[in-house]
């Protein structure tokens, strides 16, 4: 049976400190080779209410640009 739903993101969660359901903010915690780890925070008191892992293709940084041939390093301007 194919999955019926895609990925969910929470808009409100119960906060034990506020003792009621509160809107949440999603904060990126870690970027992993397999995806990302996010944390849900209460928008009123900033209590951590849960985590969500987003899986996807491996993230790789683009290769750095090689220096141009014959390029000079940038000059520093000193003002005094």
N, C-alpha and C. Protein backbone atom coordinates (compact mmCIF):
# COMPACT_ATOMS: atom_id res chain seq x y z
N UNK A 1 0.85 -1.18 0.00
CA UNK A 1 0.00 0.00 0.00
C UNK A 1 0.89 1.25 0.00
N UNK A 2 0.72 2.16 -0.94
CA UNK A 2 1.56 3.37 -0.99
C UNK A 2 1.21 4.31 0.16
N UNK A 3 2.18 5.13 0.60
CA UNK A 3 1.89 6.08 1.68
C UNK A 3 0.82 7.07 1.24
N UNK A 4 -0.08 7.38 2.16
CA UNK A 4 -1.19 8.28 1.84
C UNK A 4 -0.85 9.74 2.05
N UNK A 5 0.09 10.01 2.93
CA UNK A 5 0.42 11.39 3.26
C UNK A 5 1.90 11.63 3.08
N UNK A 6 2.25 12.87 2.80
CA UNK A 6 3.66 13.25 2.70
C UNK A 6 4.18 13.64 4.07
N UNK A 7 5.16 14.49 4.13
CA UNK A 7 5.75 14.94 5.38
C UNK A 7 4.81 15.94 6.06
N UNK A 8 4.73 15.86 7.37
CA UNK A 8 3.91 16.79 8.15
C UNK A 8 4.82 17.77 8.88
N UNK A 9 4.33 18.98 9.05
CA UNK A 9 4.97 19.95 9.94
C UNK A 9 3.91 20.42 10.91
N UNK A 10 4.28 20.54 12.17
CA UNK A 10 3.33 20.94 13.20
C UNK A 10 3.15 22.45 13.19
N UNK A 11 1.93 22.89 13.38
CA UNK A 11 1.67 24.32 13.52
C UNK A 11 1.39 24.66 14.97
N UNK A 12 0.81 23.71 15.73
CA UNK A 12 0.55 23.88 17.16
C UNK A 12 0.84 22.58 17.87
N UNK A 13 1.40 22.68 19.07
CA UNK A 13 1.63 21.53 19.94
C UNK A 13 1.28 21.92 21.36
N UNK A 14 0.99 20.91 22.20
CA UNK A 14 0.69 21.16 23.60
C UNK A 14 1.97 21.50 24.34
N UNK A 15 1.97 22.60 25.08
CA UNK A 15 3.12 23.02 25.87
C UNK A 15 2.80 22.76 27.34
N UNK A 16 3.57 21.90 28.01
CA UNK A 16 3.31 21.62 29.43
C UNK A 16 3.58 22.83 30.33
N UNK A 17 4.48 23.70 29.94
CA UNK A 17 4.77 24.88 30.76
C UNK A 17 3.63 25.91 30.69
N UNK A 18 3.07 26.11 29.50
CA UNK A 18 1.95 27.03 29.33
C UNK A 18 0.61 26.36 29.65
N UNK A 19 0.60 25.04 29.70
CA UNK A 19 -0.59 24.23 29.99
C UNK A 19 -1.70 24.42 28.96
N UNK A 20 -1.30 24.59 27.70
CA UNK A 20 -2.27 24.69 26.60
C UNK A 20 -1.57 24.51 25.26
N UNK A 21 -2.34 24.33 24.24
CA UNK A 21 -1.80 24.21 22.90
C UNK A 21 -1.32 25.57 22.42
N UNK A 22 -0.09 25.61 21.90
CA UNK A 22 0.50 26.88 21.48
C UNK A 22 1.06 26.75 20.07
N UNK A 23 1.09 27.85 19.31
CA UNK A 23 1.79 27.83 18.02
C UNK A 23 3.27 27.54 18.26
N UNK A 24 3.90 26.88 17.29
CA UNK A 24 5.31 26.52 17.45
C UNK A 24 6.15 27.16 16.36
N UNK A 25 7.45 27.31 16.69
CA UNK A 25 8.45 27.75 15.73
C UNK A 25 9.35 26.56 15.47
N UNK A 26 9.80 26.41 14.25
CA UNK A 26 10.68 25.31 13.89
C UNK A 26 12.09 25.85 13.73
N UNK A 27 13.04 25.23 14.45
CA UNK A 27 14.43 25.68 14.44
C UNK A 27 15.31 24.56 13.90
N UNK A 28 16.20 24.89 12.97
CA UNK A 28 17.13 23.91 12.41
C UNK A 28 18.23 23.64 13.44
N UNK A 29 18.37 22.36 13.84
CA UNK A 29 19.40 21.99 14.81
C UNK A 29 20.68 21.50 14.16
N UNK A 30 20.54 20.51 13.25
CA UNK A 30 21.70 19.89 12.64
C UNK A 30 21.46 19.62 11.17
N UNK A 31 22.51 19.69 10.39
CA UNK A 31 22.46 19.23 9.01
C UNK A 31 23.27 17.94 8.97
N UNK A 32 22.57 16.84 8.69
CA UNK A 32 23.18 15.51 8.69
C UNK A 32 23.41 15.05 7.27
N UNK A 33 24.25 14.04 7.07
CA UNK A 33 24.45 13.50 5.72
C UNK A 33 23.16 12.93 5.12
N UNK A 34 22.25 12.50 5.99
CA UNK A 34 21.00 11.91 5.50
C UNK A 34 19.85 12.89 5.47
N UNK A 35 20.01 14.10 5.97
CA UNK A 35 18.93 15.08 5.98
C UNK A 35 19.18 16.17 7.01
N UNK A 36 18.10 16.64 7.64
CA UNK A 36 18.19 17.72 8.62
C UNK A 36 17.39 17.36 9.86
N UNK A 37 17.82 17.90 11.02
CA UNK A 37 17.12 17.70 12.28
C UNK A 37 16.59 19.05 12.73
N UNK A 38 15.27 19.13 12.93
CA UNK A 38 14.61 20.36 13.34
C UNK A 38 14.03 20.19 14.73
N UNK A 39 13.89 21.29 15.48
CA UNK A 39 13.30 21.28 16.81
C UNK A 39 12.09 22.20 16.81
N UNK A 40 11.03 21.79 17.50
CA UNK A 40 9.84 22.61 17.66
C UNK A 40 9.92 23.34 18.99
N UNK A 41 9.75 24.67 18.97
CA UNK A 41 9.79 25.50 20.17
C UNK A 41 8.45 26.21 20.36
N UNK A 42 7.98 26.29 21.61
CA UNK A 42 6.76 27.03 21.92
C UNK A 42 6.99 28.51 21.58
N UNK A 43 6.04 29.12 20.91
CA UNK A 43 6.22 30.52 20.51
C UNK A 43 6.06 31.49 21.69
N UNK A 44 5.47 31.04 22.80
CA UNK A 44 5.30 31.90 23.96
C UNK A 44 6.48 31.84 24.93
N UNK A 45 6.90 30.61 25.30
CA UNK A 45 7.91 30.47 26.35
C UNK A 45 9.21 29.84 25.85
N UNK A 46 9.29 29.45 24.59
CA UNK A 46 10.48 28.87 23.95
C UNK A 46 10.88 27.50 24.53
N UNK A 47 9.92 26.78 25.13
CA UNK A 47 10.19 25.43 25.61
C UNK A 47 10.27 24.49 24.41
N UNK A 48 11.22 23.55 24.45
CA UNK A 48 11.35 22.57 23.39
C UNK A 48 10.19 21.58 23.49
N UNK A 49 9.44 21.42 22.39
CA UNK A 49 8.26 20.57 22.40
C UNK A 49 8.42 19.32 21.54
N UNK A 50 9.49 19.19 20.81
CA UNK A 50 9.69 18.00 20.00
C UNK A 50 10.70 18.24 18.91
N UNK A 51 11.00 17.17 18.17
CA UNK A 51 11.96 17.23 17.07
C UNK A 51 11.37 16.57 15.84
N UNK A 52 11.91 16.92 14.69
CA UNK A 52 11.49 16.34 13.42
C UNK A 52 12.73 16.16 12.56
N UNK A 53 12.86 14.97 11.97
CA UNK A 53 13.99 14.71 11.08
C UNK A 53 13.48 14.68 9.65
N UNK A 54 14.06 15.51 8.81
CA UNK A 54 13.72 15.58 7.39
C UNK A 54 14.80 14.82 6.65
N UNK A 55 14.42 13.73 6.00
CA UNK A 55 15.41 12.94 5.26
C UNK A 55 15.36 13.33 3.79
N UNK A 56 16.49 13.23 3.17
CA UNK A 56 16.58 13.58 1.77
C UNK A 56 17.93 13.17 1.22
N UNK A 57 18.25 13.62 0.04
CA UNK A 57 19.54 13.27 -0.54
C UNK A 57 20.68 13.87 0.28
N UNK A 58 21.82 13.24 0.20
CA UNK A 58 22.99 13.73 0.93
C UNK A 58 23.34 15.14 0.46
N UNK A 59 23.61 15.99 1.41
CA UNK A 59 23.95 17.38 1.09
C UNK A 59 25.47 17.48 0.99
N UNK A 60 25.94 18.03 -0.10
CA UNK A 60 27.38 18.21 -0.28
C UNK A 60 27.65 19.66 -0.60
N UNK A 61 28.73 20.16 -0.07
CA UNK A 61 29.11 21.55 -0.32
C UNK A 61 29.72 21.63 -1.73
N UNK A 62 29.44 22.72 -2.44
CA UNK A 62 30.06 22.87 -3.76
C UNK A 62 31.56 23.06 -3.61
N UNK A 63 32.33 22.62 -4.60
CA UNK A 63 33.78 22.78 -4.50
C UNK A 63 34.15 24.26 -4.51
N UNK A 64 35.21 24.65 -3.78
CA UNK A 64 35.59 26.07 -3.76
C UNK A 64 36.10 26.50 -5.13
N UNK A 65 35.90 27.77 -5.44
CA UNK A 65 36.38 28.31 -6.70
C UNK A 65 37.90 28.39 -6.66
N UNK A 66 38.58 27.86 -7.69
CA UNK A 66 40.04 27.97 -7.69
C UNK A 66 40.44 29.43 -7.95
N UNK A 67 41.57 29.86 -7.39
CA UNK A 67 42.00 31.25 -7.64
C UNK A 67 42.33 31.44 -9.11
N UNK A 68 42.05 32.63 -9.61
CA UNK A 68 42.36 32.93 -11.01
C UNK A 68 43.86 33.04 -11.18
N UNK A 69 44.30 32.65 -12.32
CA UNK A 69 45.73 32.71 -12.61
C UNK A 69 46.15 34.17 -12.75
N UNK A 70 47.19 34.54 -12.04
CA UNK A 70 47.70 35.91 -12.12
C UNK A 70 46.90 36.89 -11.28
N UNK A 71 45.95 36.40 -10.53
CA UNK A 71 45.14 37.31 -9.71
C UNK A 71 45.96 37.76 -8.50
N UNK A 72 45.81 39.02 -8.16
CA UNK A 72 46.51 39.56 -7.00
C UNK A 72 45.59 39.46 -5.78
N UNK A 73 46.18 39.31 -4.60
CA UNK A 73 45.34 39.31 -3.40
C UNK A 73 44.73 40.68 -3.20
N UNK A 74 43.58 40.77 -2.54
CA UNK A 74 42.96 42.08 -2.33
C UNK A 74 43.83 42.97 -1.46
N UNK A 75 43.82 44.27 -1.77
CA UNK A 75 44.61 45.24 -1.02
C UNK A 75 43.81 45.75 0.17
N UNK A 76 44.50 45.95 1.27
CA UNK A 76 43.86 46.50 2.45
C UNK A 76 44.03 48.01 2.43
N UNK A 77 42.95 48.70 2.68
CA UNK A 77 43.01 50.15 2.74
C UNK A 77 43.02 50.55 4.21
N UNK A 78 44.07 51.22 4.62
CA UNK A 78 44.17 51.67 6.01
C UNK A 78 43.88 53.15 6.06
N UNK A 79 42.96 53.49 6.92
CA UNK A 79 42.62 54.90 7.07
C UNK A 79 42.94 55.31 8.50
N UNK A 80 43.45 56.48 8.64
CA UNK A 80 43.83 56.84 9.99
C UNK A 80 43.64 58.27 10.32
